[in-house]
Amino acid sequence: MIDFAYAADAAQPSMLMQFAPLVLILVVFYFLIMRPQQKKFKAHQAMLAELKRGDKVILASGFKGTVNKVGEQFFTVEIARGVEVEVERNAIASKVE
């Protein structure tokens, strides 16, 4: 009966094999979630850096407008004739072509 206990102890997987699934999950997590999110963030930052007066944009709130003034941290966007709002840089979702 004691022979079975020794045989069961010998069948333990190595430390590398115990951590292999965890490492695999982390690698998949990086390539499917983190890396695309970083690319999207960099593209959005590049788009914000290229905005100039007269560009048509869509705000995160859903409003569509035209950039009238470009500042360091804020943009002034005209959302209707005579209606200008000052929005933070990150409030601009995309540029309309």
PDB file of N, CA and C in Angstrom:
ATOM      1  N   MET A   1       0.820  -1.178   0.000  1.00  0.00           N
ATOM      2  CA  MET A   1       0.000   0.000   0.000  1.00  0.00           C
ATOM      3  C   MET A   1       0.872   1.254   0.000  1.00  0.00           C
ATOM      4  N   ILE A   2       1.979   1.219   0.680  1.00  0.00           N
ATOM      5  CA  ILE A   2       2.864   2.370   0.732  1.00  0.00           C
ATOM      6  C   ILE A   2       3.518   2.632  -0.616  1.00  0.00           C
ATOM      7  N   ASP A   3       3.619   1.610  -1.448  1.00  0.00           N
ATOM      8  CA  ASP A   3       4.203   1.777  -2.781  1.00  0.00           C
ATOM      9  C   ASP A   3       3.387   2.740  -3.637  1.00  0.00           C
ATOM     10  N   PHE A   4       2.076   2.741  -3.462  1.00  0.00           N
ATOM     11  CA  PHE A   4       1.223   3.652  -4.221  1.00  0.00           C
ATOM     12  C   PHE A   4       1.498   5.106  -3.833  1.00  0.00           C
ATOM     13  N   ALA A   5       1.764   5.356  -2.585  1.00  0.00           N
ATOM     14  CA  ALA A   5       2.046   6.712  -2.124  1.00  0.00           C
ATOM     15  C   ALA A   5       3.346   7.216  -2.736  1.00  0.00           C
ATOM     16  N   TYR A   6       4.364   6.364  -2.805  1.00  0.00           N
ATOM     17  CA  TYR A   6       5.629   6.773  -3.414  1.00  0.00           C
ATOM     18  C   TYR A   6       5.460   7.005  -4.918  1.00  0.00           C
ATOM     19  N   ALA A   7       4.650   6.193  -5.570  1.00  0.00           N
ATOM     20  CA  ALA A   7       4.426   6.335  -7.007  1.00  0.00           C
ATOM     21  C   ALA A   7       3.658   7.627  -7.307  1.00  0.00           C
ATOM     22  N   ALA A   8       2.708   7.992  -6.460  1.00  0.00           N
ATOM     23  CA  ALA A   8       1.937   9.216  -6.657  1.00  0.00           C
ATOM     24  C   ALA A   8       2.824  10.441  -6.464  1.00  0.00           C
ATOM     25  N   ASP A   9       3.767  10.353  -5.531  1.00  0.00           N
ATOM     26  CA  ASP A   9       4.661  11.471  -5.289  1.00  0.00           C
ATOM     27  C   ASP A   9       5.606  11.684  -6.470  1.00  0.00           C
ATOM     28  N   ALA A  10       5.992  10.646  -7.132  1.00  0.00           N
ATOM     29  CA  ALA A  10       6.908  10.746  -8.264  1.00  0.00           C
ATOM     30  C   ALA A  10       6.236  11.338  -9.497  1.00  0.00           C
ATOM     31  N   ALA A  11       4.922  11.339  -9.556  1.00  0.00           N
ATOM     32  CA  ALA A  11       4.193  11.827 -10.730  1.00  0.00           C
ATOM     33  C   ALA A  11       3.913  13.326 -10.674  1.00  0.00           C
ATOM     34  N   GLN A  12       4.475  14.059  -9.726  1.00  0.00           N
ATOM     35  CA  GLN A  12       4.257  15.501  -9.631  1.00  0.00           C
ATOM     36  C   GLN A  12       4.898  16.208 -10.827  1.00  0.00           C
ATOM     37  N   PRO A  13       4.162  17.127 -11.484  1.00  0.00           N
ATOM     38  CA  PRO A  13       4.752  17.855 -12.611  1.00  0.00           C
ATOM     39  C   PRO A  13       5.813  18.841 -12.114  1.00  0.00           C
ATOM     40  N   SER A  14       6.710  19.197 -12.986  1.00  0.00           N
ATOM     41  CA  SER A  14       7.781  20.122 -12.615  1.00  0.00           C
ATOM     42  C   SER A  14       7.206  21.528 -12.408  1.00  0.00           C
ATOM     43  N   MET A  15       7.998  22.381 -11.802  1.00  0.00           N
ATOM     44  CA  MET A  15       7.555  23.762 -11.557  1.00  0.00           C
ATOM     45  C   MET A  15       7.272  24.492 -12.872  1.00  0.00           C
ATOM     46  N   LEU A  16       8.067  24.219 -13.889  1.00  0.00           N
ATOM     47  CA  LEU A  16       7.860  24.850 -15.189  1.00  0.00           C
ATOM     48  C   LEU A  16       6.499  24.474 -15.766  1.00  0.00           C
ATOM     49  N   MET A  17       6.138  23.227 -15.632  1.00  0.00           N
ATOM     50  CA  MET A  17       4.853  22.774 -16.168  1.00  0.00           C
ATOM     51  C   MET A  17       3.682  23.327 -15.358  1.00  0.00           C
ATOM     52  N   GLN A  18       3.908  23.640 -14.102  1.00  0.00           N
ATOM     53  CA  GLN A  18       2.836  24.214 -13.287  1.00  0.00           C
ATOM     54  C   GLN A  18       2.566  25.670 -13.679  1.00  0.00           C
ATOM     55  N   PHE A  19       3.608  26.407 -14.050  1.00  0.00           N
ATOM     56  CA  PHE A  19       3.445  27.816 -14.405  1.00  0.00           C
ATOM     57  C   PHE A  19       3.220  28.051 -15.891  1.00  0.00           C
ATOM     58  N   ALA A  20       3.357  27.047 -16.711  1.00  0.00           N
ATOM     59  CA  ALA A  20       3.177  27.203 -18.160  1.00  0.00           C
ATOM     60  C   ALA A  20       1.785  27.729 -18.528  1.00  0.00           C
ATOM     61  N   PRO A  21       0.692  27.211 -17.959  1.00  0.00           N
ATOM     62  CA  PRO A  21      -0.625  27.772 -18.312  1.00  0.00           C
ATOM     63  C   PRO A  21      -0.776  29.247 -17.924  1.00  0.00           C
ATOM     64  N   LEU A  22      -0.213  29.619 -16.781  1.00  0.00           N
ATOM     65  CA  LEU A  22      -0.295  31.012 -16.356  1.00  0.00           C
ATOM     66  C   LEU A  22       0.470  31.922 -17.317  1.00  0.00           C
ATOM     67  N   VAL A  23       1.646  31.505 -17.716  1.00  0.00           N
ATOM     68  CA  VAL A  23       2.444  32.280 -18.658  1.00  0.00           C
ATOM     69  C   VAL A  23       1.724  32.378 -20.001  1.00  0.00           C
ATOM     70  N   LEU A  24       1.135  31.304 -20.445  1.00  0.00           N
ATOM     71  CA  LEU A  24       0.387  31.299 -21.703  1.00  0.00           C
ATOM     72  C   LEU A  24      -0.795  32.271 -21.640  1.00  0.00           C
ATOM     73  N   ILE A  25      -1.499  32.298 -20.532  1.00  0.00           N
ATOM     74  CA  ILE A  25      -2.635  33.212 -20.369  1.00  0.00           C
ATOM     75  C   ILE A  25      -2.153  34.658 -20.414  1.00  0.00           C
ATOM     76  N   LEU A  26      -1.034  34.948 -19.769  1.00  0.00           N
ATOM     77  CA  LEU A  26      -0.506  36.308 -19.775  1.00  0.00           C
ATOM     78  C   LEU A  26      -0.075  36.747 -21.176  1.00  0.00           C
ATOM     79  N   VAL A  27       0.524  35.857 -21.937  1.00  0.00           N
ATOM     80  CA  VAL A  27       0.941  36.182 -23.303  1.00  0.00           C
ATOM     81  C   VAL A  27      -0.281  36.447 -24.185  1.00  0.00           C
ATOM     82  N   VAL A  28      -1.289  35.621 -24.072  1.00  0.00           N
ATOM     83  CA  VAL A  28      -2.518  35.817 -24.851  1.00  0.00           C
ATOM     84  C   VAL A  28      -3.190  37.121 -24.438  1.00  0.00           C
ATOM     85  N   PHE A  29      -3.242  37.404 -23.148  1.00  0.00           N
ATOM     86  CA  PHE A  29      -3.819  38.643 -22.647  1.00  0.00           C
ATOM     87  C   PHE A  29      -3.103  39.857 -23.234  1.00  0.00           C
ATOM     88  N   TYR A  30      -1.775  39.802 -23.295  1.00  0.00           N
ATOM     89  CA  TYR A  30      -1.007  40.919 -23.837  1.00  0.00           C
ATOM     90  C   TYR A  30      -1.336  41.146 -25.315  1.00  0.00           C
ATOM     91  N   PHE A  31      -1.327  40.085 -26.119  1.00  0.00           N
ATOM     92  CA  PHE A  31      -1.520  40.254 -27.557  1.00  0.00           C
ATOM     93  C   PHE A  31      -2.964  40.533 -27.949  1.00  0.00           C
ATOM     94  N   LEU A  32      -3.930  40.078 -27.165  1.00  0.00           N
ATOM     95  CA  LEU A  32      -5.327  40.299 -27.534  1.00  0.00           C
ATOM     96  C   LEU A  32      -5.939  41.548 -26.915  1.00  0.00           C
ATOM     97  N   ILE A  33      -5.394  42.011 -25.794  1.00  0.00           N
ATOM     98  CA  ILE A  33      -6.015  43.142 -25.115  1.00  0.00           C
ATOM     99  C   ILE A  33      -5.087  44.340 -24.995  1.00  0.00           C
ATOM    100  N   MET A  34      -3.926  44.157 -24.405  1.00  0.00           N
ATOM    101  CA  MET A  34      -3.070  45.305 -24.102  1.00  0.00           C
ATOM    102  C   MET A  34      -2.448  45.937 -25.339  1.00  0.00           C
ATOM    103  N   ARG A  35      -1.915  45.141 -26.232  1.00  0.00           N
ATOM    104  CA  ARG A  35      -1.219  45.680 -27.407  1.00  0.00           C
ATOM    105  C   ARG A  35      -2.163  46.456 -28.341  1.00  0.00           C
ATOM    106  N   PRO A  36      -3.344  45.920 -28.684  1.00  0.00           N
ATOM    107  CA  PRO A  36      -4.256  46.703 -29.528  1.00  0.00           C
ATOM    108  C   PRO A  36      -4.716  47.996 -28.852  1.00  0.00           C
ATOM    109  N   GLN A  37      -4.885  47.955 -27.528  1.00  0.00           N
ATOM    110  CA  GLN A  37      -5.304  49.154 -26.810  1.00  0.00           C
ATOM    111  C   GLN A  37      -4.215  50.225 -26.862  1.00  0.00           C
ATOM    112  N   GLN A  38      -2.949  49.819 -26.775  1.00  0.00           N
ATOM    113  CA  GLN A  38      -1.849  50.771 -26.867  1.00  0.00           C
ATOM    114  C   GLN A  38      -1.770  51.387 -28.259  1.00  0.00           C
ATOM    115  N   LYS A  39      -1.983  50.582 -29.286  1.00  0.00           N
ATOM    116  CA  LYS A  39      -1.979  51.097 -30.665  1.00  0.00           C
ATOM    117  C   LYS A  39      -3.099  52.114 -30.868  1.00  0.00           C
ATOM    118  N   LYS A  40      -4.283  51.800 -30.345  1.00  0.00           N
ATOM    119  CA  LYS A  40      -5.425  52.692 -30.483  1.00  0.00           C
ATOM    120  C   LYS A  40      -5.159  54.015 -29.756  1.00  0.00           C
ATOM    121  N   PHE A  41      -4.558  53.943 -28.583  1.00  0.00           N
ATOM    122  CA  PHE A  41      -4.232  55.150 -27.820  1.00  0.00           C
ATOM    123  C   PHE A  41      -3.230  56.023 -28.565  1.00  0.00           C
ATOM    124  N   LYS A  42      -2.205  55.410 -29.134  1.00  0.00           N
ATOM    125  CA  LYS A  42      -1.195  56.174 -29.876  1.00  0.00           C
ATOM    126  C   LYS A  42      -1.803  56.829 -31.116  1.00  0.00           C
ATOM    127  N   ALA A  43      -2.685  56.120 -31.815  1.00  0.00           N
ATOM    128  CA  ALA A  43      -3.342  56.685 -32.998  1.00  0.00           C
ATOM    129  C   ALA A  43      -4.232  57.864 -32.608  1.00  0.00           C
ATOM    130  N   HIS A  44      -4.929  57.763 -31.490  1.00  0.00           N
ATOM    131  CA  HIS A  44      -5.798  58.847 -31.025  1.00  0.00           C
ATOM    132  C   HIS A  44      -4.964  60.065 -30.643  1.00  0.00           C
ATOM    133  N   GLN A  45      -3.833  59.852 -29.971  1.00  0.00           N
ATOM    134  CA  GLN A  45      -2.962  60.956 -29.595  1.00  0.00           C
ATOM    135  C   GLN A  45      -2.385  61.644 -30.840  1.00  0.00           C
ATOM    136  N   ALA A  46      -2.027  60.864 -31.858  1.00  0.00           N
ATOM    137  CA  ALA A  46      -1.517  61.442 -33.105  1.00  0.00           C
ATOM    138  C   ALA A  46      -2.595  62.266 -33.801  1.00  0.00           C
ATOM    139  N   MET A  47      -3.827  61.782 -33.794  1.00  0.00           N
ATOM    140  CA  MET A  47      -4.938  62.511 -34.405  1.00  0.00           C
ATOM    141  C   MET A  47      -5.164  63.831 -33.675  1.00  0.00           C
ATOM    142  N   LEU A  48      -5.103  63.814 -32.347  1.00  0.00           N
ATOM    143  CA  LEU A  48      -5.288  65.048 -31.574  1.00  0.00           C
ATOM    144  C   LEU A  48      -4.172  66.051 -31.847  1.00  0.00           C
ATOM    145  N   ALA A  49      -2.960  65.562 -32.031  1.00  0.00           N
ATOM    146  CA  ALA A  49      -1.827  66.453 -32.289  1.00  0.00           C
ATOM    147  C   ALA A  49      -1.934  67.116 -33.659  1.00  0.00           C
ATOM    148  N   GLU A  50      -2.606  66.474 -34.601  1.00  0.00           N
ATOM    149  CA  GLU A  50      -2.713  67.006 -35.959  1.00  0.00           C
ATOM    150  C   GLU A  50      -3.928  67.910 -36.170  1.00  0.00           C
ATOM    151  N   LEU A  51      -4.815  68.017 -35.185  1.00  0.00           N
ATOM    152  CA  LEU A  51      -6.010  68.845 -35.358  1.00  0.00           C
ATOM    153  C   LEU A  51      -5.634  70.313 -35.500  1.00  0.00           C
ATOM    154  N   LYS A  52      -6.372  70.985 -36.390  1.00  0.00           N
ATOM    155  CA  LYS A  52      -6.144  72.404 -36.608  1.00  0.00           C
ATOM    156  C   LYS A  52      -7.493  73.100 -36.781  1.00  0.00           C
ATOM    157  N   ARG A  53      -7.461  74.397 -36.858  1.00  0.00           N
ATOM    158  CA  ARG A  53      -8.683  75.187 -37.000  1.00  0.00           C
ATOM    159  C   ARG A  53      -9.397  74.803 -38.297  1.00  0.00           C
ATOM    160  N   GLY A  54     -10.706  74.598 -38.199  1.00  0.00           N
ATOM    161  CA  GLY A  54     -11.502  74.258 -39.372  1.00  0.00           C
ATOM    162  C   GLY A  54     -11.766  72.775 -39.537  1.00  0.00           C
ATOM    163  N   ASP A  55     -11.091  71.932 -38.772  1.00  0.00           N
ATOM    164  CA  ASP A  55     -11.333  70.481 -38.864  1.00  0.00           C
ATOM    165  C   ASP A  55     -12.684  70.137 -38.254  1.00  0.00           C
ATOM    166  N   LYS A  56     -13.378  69.225 -38.887  1.00  0.00           N
ATOM    167  CA  LYS A  56     -14.653  68.750 -38.364  1.00  0.00           C
ATOM    168  C   LYS A  56     -14.383  67.537 -37.481  1.00  0.00           C
ATOM    169  N   VAL A  57     -14.996  67.541 -36.284  1.00  0.00           N
ATOM    170  CA  VAL A  57     -14.742  66.485 -35.300  1.00  0.00           C
ATOM    171  C   VAL A  57     -16.051  65.986 -34.709  1.00  0.00           C
ATOM    172  N   ILE A  58     -15.981  64.807 -34.121  1.00  0.00           N
ATOM    173  CA  ILE A  58     -17.085  64.256 -33.340  1.00  0.00           C
ATOM    174  C   ILE A  58     -16.606  64.182 -31.901  1.00  0.00           C
ATOM    175  N   LEU A  59     -17.393  64.741 -31.002  1.00  0.00           N
ATOM    176  CA  LEU A  59     -17.043  64.731 -29.593  1.00  0.00           C
ATOM    177  C   LEU A  59     -17.488  63.418 -28.942  1.00  0.00           C
ATOM    178  N   ALA A  60     -16.938  63.116 -27.796  1.00  0.00           N
ATOM    179  CA  ALA A  60     -17.289  61.888 -27.082  1.00  0.00           C
ATOM    180  C   ALA A  60     -18.758  61.889 -26.675  1.00  0.00           C
ATOM    181  N   SER A  61     -19.356  63.065 -26.528  1.00  0.00           N
ATOM    182  CA  SER A  61     -20.768  63.157 -26.160  1.00  0.00           C
ATOM    183  C   SER A  61     -21.689  62.910 -27.340  1.00  0.00           C
ATOM    184  N   GLY A  62     -21.114  62.862 -28.559  1.00  0.00           N
ATOM    185  CA  GLY A  62     -21.918  62.597 -29.746  1.00  0.00           C
ATOM    186  C   GLY A  62     -22.144  63.825 -30.607  1.00  0.00           C
ATOM    187  N   PHE A  63     -21.778  65.002 -30.129  1.00  0.00           N
ATOM    188  CA  PHE A  63     -21.950  66.213 -30.919  1.00  0.00           C
ATOM    189  C   PHE A  63     -20.923  66.257 -32.037  1.00  0.00           C
ATOM    190  N   LYS A  64     -21.346  66.852 -33.146  1.00  0.00           N
ATOM    191  CA  LYS A  64     -20.457  67.054 -34.282  1.00  0.00           C
ATOM    192  C   LYS A  64     -20.215  68.547 -34.395  1.00  0.00           C
ATOM    193  N   GLY A  65     -18.967  68.929 -34.610  1.00  0.00           N
ATOM    194  CA  GLY A  65     -18.675  70.348 -34.680  1.00  0.00           C
ATOM    195  C   GLY A  65     -17.404  70.639 -35.446  1.00  0.00           C
ATOM    196  N   THR A  66     -17.042  71.916 -35.463  1.00  0.00           N
ATOM    197  CA  THR A  66     -15.858  72.387 -36.165  1.00  0.00           C
ATOM    198  C   THR A  66     -14.917  73.047 -35.155  1.00  0.00           C
ATOM    199  N   VAL A  67     -13.647  72.698 -35.236  1.00  0.00           N
ATOM    200  CA  VAL A  67     -12.655  73.266 -34.325  1.00  0.00           C
ATOM    201  C   VAL A  67     -12.414  74.721 -34.712  1.00  0.00           C
ATOM    202  N   ASN A  68     -12.584  75.639 -33.742  1.00  0.00           N
ATOM    203  CA  ASN A  68     -12.331  77.064 -33.990  1.00  0.00           C
ATOM    204  C   ASN A  68     -11.033  77.536 -33.366  1.00  0.00           C
ATOM    205  N   LYS A  69     -10.664  76.941 -32.257  1.00  0.00           N
ATOM    206  CA  LYS A  69      -9.462  77.374 -31.554  1.00  0.00           C
ATOM    207  C   LYS A  69      -8.772  76.159 -30.974  1.00  0.00           C
ATOM    208  N   VAL A  70      -7.456  76.075 -31.193  1.00  0.00           N
ATOM    209  CA  VAL A  70      -6.664  74.962 -30.686  1.00  0.00           C
ATOM    210  C   VAL A  70      -5.796  75.485 -29.553  1.00  0.00           C
ATOM    211  N   GLY A  71      -5.926  74.857 -28.389  1.00  0.00           N
ATOM    212  CA  GLY A  71      -5.115  75.249 -27.250  1.00  0.00           C
ATOM    213  C   GLY A  71      -4.252  74.087 -26.786  1.00  0.00           C
ATOM    214  N   GLU A  72      -3.506  74.341 -25.741  1.00  0.00           N
ATOM    215  CA  GLU A  72      -2.618  73.312 -25.191  1.00  0.00           C
ATOM    216  C   GLU A  72      -3.417  72.146 -24.611  1.00  0.00           C
ATOM    217  N   GLN A  73      -4.451  72.483 -23.829  1.00  0.00           N
ATOM    218  CA  GLN A  73      -5.232  71.435 -23.174  1.00  0.00           C
ATOM    219  C   GLN A  73      -6.693  71.425 -23.614  1.00  0.00           C
ATOM    220  N   PHE A  74      -7.175  72.523 -24.164  1.00  0.00           N
ATOM    221  CA  PHE A  74      -8.581  72.634 -24.542  1.00  0.00           C
ATOM    222  C   PHE A  74      -8.726  73.064 -26.000  1.00  0.00           C
ATOM    223  N   PHE A  75      -9.846  72.641 -26.595  1.00  0.00           N
ATOM    224  CA  PHE A  75     -10.237  73.072 -27.931  1.00  0.00           C
ATOM    225  C   PHE A  75     -11.540  73.843 -27.804  1.00  0.00           C
ATOM    226  N   THR A  76     -11.732  74.840 -28.666  1.00  0.00           N
ATOM    227  CA  THR A  76     -13.022  75.496 -28.772  1.00  0.00           C
ATOM    228  C   THR A  76     -13.673  74.962 -30.036  1.00  0.00           C
ATOM    229  N   VAL A  77     -14.856  74.347 -29.853  1.00  0.00           N
ATOM    230  CA  VAL A  77     -15.557  73.690 -30.957  1.00  0.00           C
ATOM    231  C   VAL A  77     -16.913  74.358 -31.147  1.00  0.00           C
ATOM    232  N   GLU A  78     -17.211  74.707 -32.398  1.00  0.00           N
ATOM    233  CA  GLU A  78     -18.521  75.275 -32.724  1.00  0.00           C
ATOM    234  C   GLU A  78     -19.453  74.118 -33.085  1.00  0.00           C
ATOM    235  N   ILE A  79     -20.496  73.914 -32.258  1.00  0.00           N
ATOM    236  CA  ILE A  79     -21.405  72.787 -32.497  1.00  0.00           C
ATOM    237  C   ILE A  79     -22.673  73.229 -33.223  1.00  0.00           C
ATOM    238  N   ALA A  80     -22.944  74.524 -33.263  1.00  0.00           N
ATOM    239  CA  ALA A  80     -24.049  75.098 -34.030  1.00  0.00           C
ATOM    240  C   ALA A  80     -23.656  76.534 -34.354  1.00  0.00           C
ATOM    241  N   ARG A  81     -24.384  77.148 -35.258  1.00  0.00           N
ATOM    242  CA  ARG A  81     -24.048  78.510 -35.648  1.00  0.00           C
ATOM    243  C   ARG A  81     -24.135  79.427 -34.424  1.00  0.00           C
ATOM    244  N   GLY A  82     -22.994  79.984 -34.045  1.00  0.00           N
ATOM    245  CA  GLY A  82     -22.952  80.893 -32.898  1.00  0.00           C
ATOM    246  C   GLY A  82     -22.831  80.203 -31.546  1.00  0.00           C
ATOM    247  N   VAL A  83     -22.781  78.881 -31.512  1.00  0.00           N
ATOM    248  CA  VAL A  83     -22.668  78.143 -30.244  1.00  0.00           C
ATOM    249  C   VAL A  83     -21.307  77.472 -30.182  1.00  0.00           C
ATOM    250  N   GLU A  84     -20.462  78.009 -29.322  1.00  0.00           N
ATOM    251  CA  GLU A  84     -19.126  77.442 -29.162  1.00  0.00           C
ATOM    252  C   GLU A  84     -18.991  76.852 -27.767  1.00  0.00           C
ATOM    253  N   VAL A  85     -18.357  75.697 -27.710  1.00  0.00           N
ATOM    254  CA  VAL A  85     -18.087  75.058 -26.426  1.00  0.00           C
ATOM    255  C   VAL A  85     -16.588  74.794 -26.325  1.00  0.00           C
ATOM    256  N   GLU A  86     -16.104  74.871 -25.107  1.00  0.00           N
ATOM    257  CA  GLU A  86     -14.703  74.576 -24.871  1.00  0.00           C
ATOM    258  C   GLU A  86     -14.635  73.157 -24.308  1.00  0.00           C
ATOM    259  N   VAL A  87     -13.880  72.290 -24.976  1.00  0.00           N
ATOM    260  CA  VAL A  87     -13.797  70.892 -24.556  1.00  0.00           C
ATOM    261  C   VAL A  87     -12.338  70.506 -24.329  1.00  0.00           C
ATOM    262  N   GLU A  88     -12.154  69.543 -23.472  1.00  0.00           N
ATOM    263  CA  GLU A  88     -10.816  69.030 -23.210  1.00  0.00           C
ATOM    264  C   GLU A  88     -10.353  68.190 -24.403  1.00  0.00           C
ATOM    265  N   ARG A  89      -9.057  68.050 -24.559  1.00  0.00           N
ATOM    266  CA  ARG A  89      -8.489  67.310 -25.706  1.00  0.00           C
ATOM    267  C   ARG A  89      -9.074  65.906 -25.825  1.00  0.00           C
ATOM    268  N   ASN A  90      -9.179  65.207 -24.724  1.00  0.00           N
ATOM    269  CA  ASN A  90      -9.637  63.814 -24.769  1.00  0.00           C
ATOM    270  C   ASN A  90     -11.129  63.685 -25.032  1.00  0.00           C
ATOM    271  N   ALA A  91     -11.867  64.795 -25.036  1.00  0.00           N
ATOM    272  CA  ALA A  91     -13.298  64.748 -25.328  1.00  0.00           C
ATOM    273  C   ALA A  91     -13.561  64.628 -26.827  1.00  0.00           C
ATOM    274  N   ILE A  92     -12.536  64.787 -27.640  1.00  0.00           N
ATOM    275  CA  ILE A  92     -12.690  64.631 -29.085  1.00  0.00           C
ATOM    276  C   ILE A  92     -12.491  63.169 -29.435  1.00  0.00           C
ATOM    277  N   ALA A  93     -13.551  62.541 -29.932  1.00  0.00           N
ATOM    278  CA  ALA A  93     -13.513  61.114 -30.211  1.00  0.00           C
ATOM    279  C   ALA A  93     -12.845  60.809 -31.545  1.00  0.00           C
ATOM    280  N   SER A  94     -13.211  61.570 -32.585  1.00  0.00           N
ATOM    281  CA  SER A  94     -12.638  61.283 -33.901  1.00  0.00           C
ATOM    282  C   SER A  94     -12.749  62.510 -34.794  1.00  0.00           C
ATOM    283  N   LYS A  95     -12.036  62.437 -35.879  1.00  0.00           N
ATOM    284  CA  LYS A  95     -12.046  63.495 -36.886  1.00  0.00           C
ATOM    285  C   LYS A  95     -12.910  63.011 -38.050  1.00  0.00           C
ATOM    286  N   VAL A  96     -13.775  63.899 -38.533  1.00  0.00           N
ATOM    287  CA  VAL A  96     -14.642  63.569 -39.661  1.00  0.00           C
ATOM    288  C   VAL A  96     -13.926  63.968 -40.939  1.00  0.00           C
ATOM    289  N   GLU A  97     -13.827  63.060 -41.874  1.00  0.00           N
ATOM    290  CA  GLU A  97     -13.117  63.341 -43.138  1.00  0.00           C
ATOM    291  C   GLU A  97     -13.998  64.092 -44.091  1.00  0.00           C
TER     292      GLU A  97
END
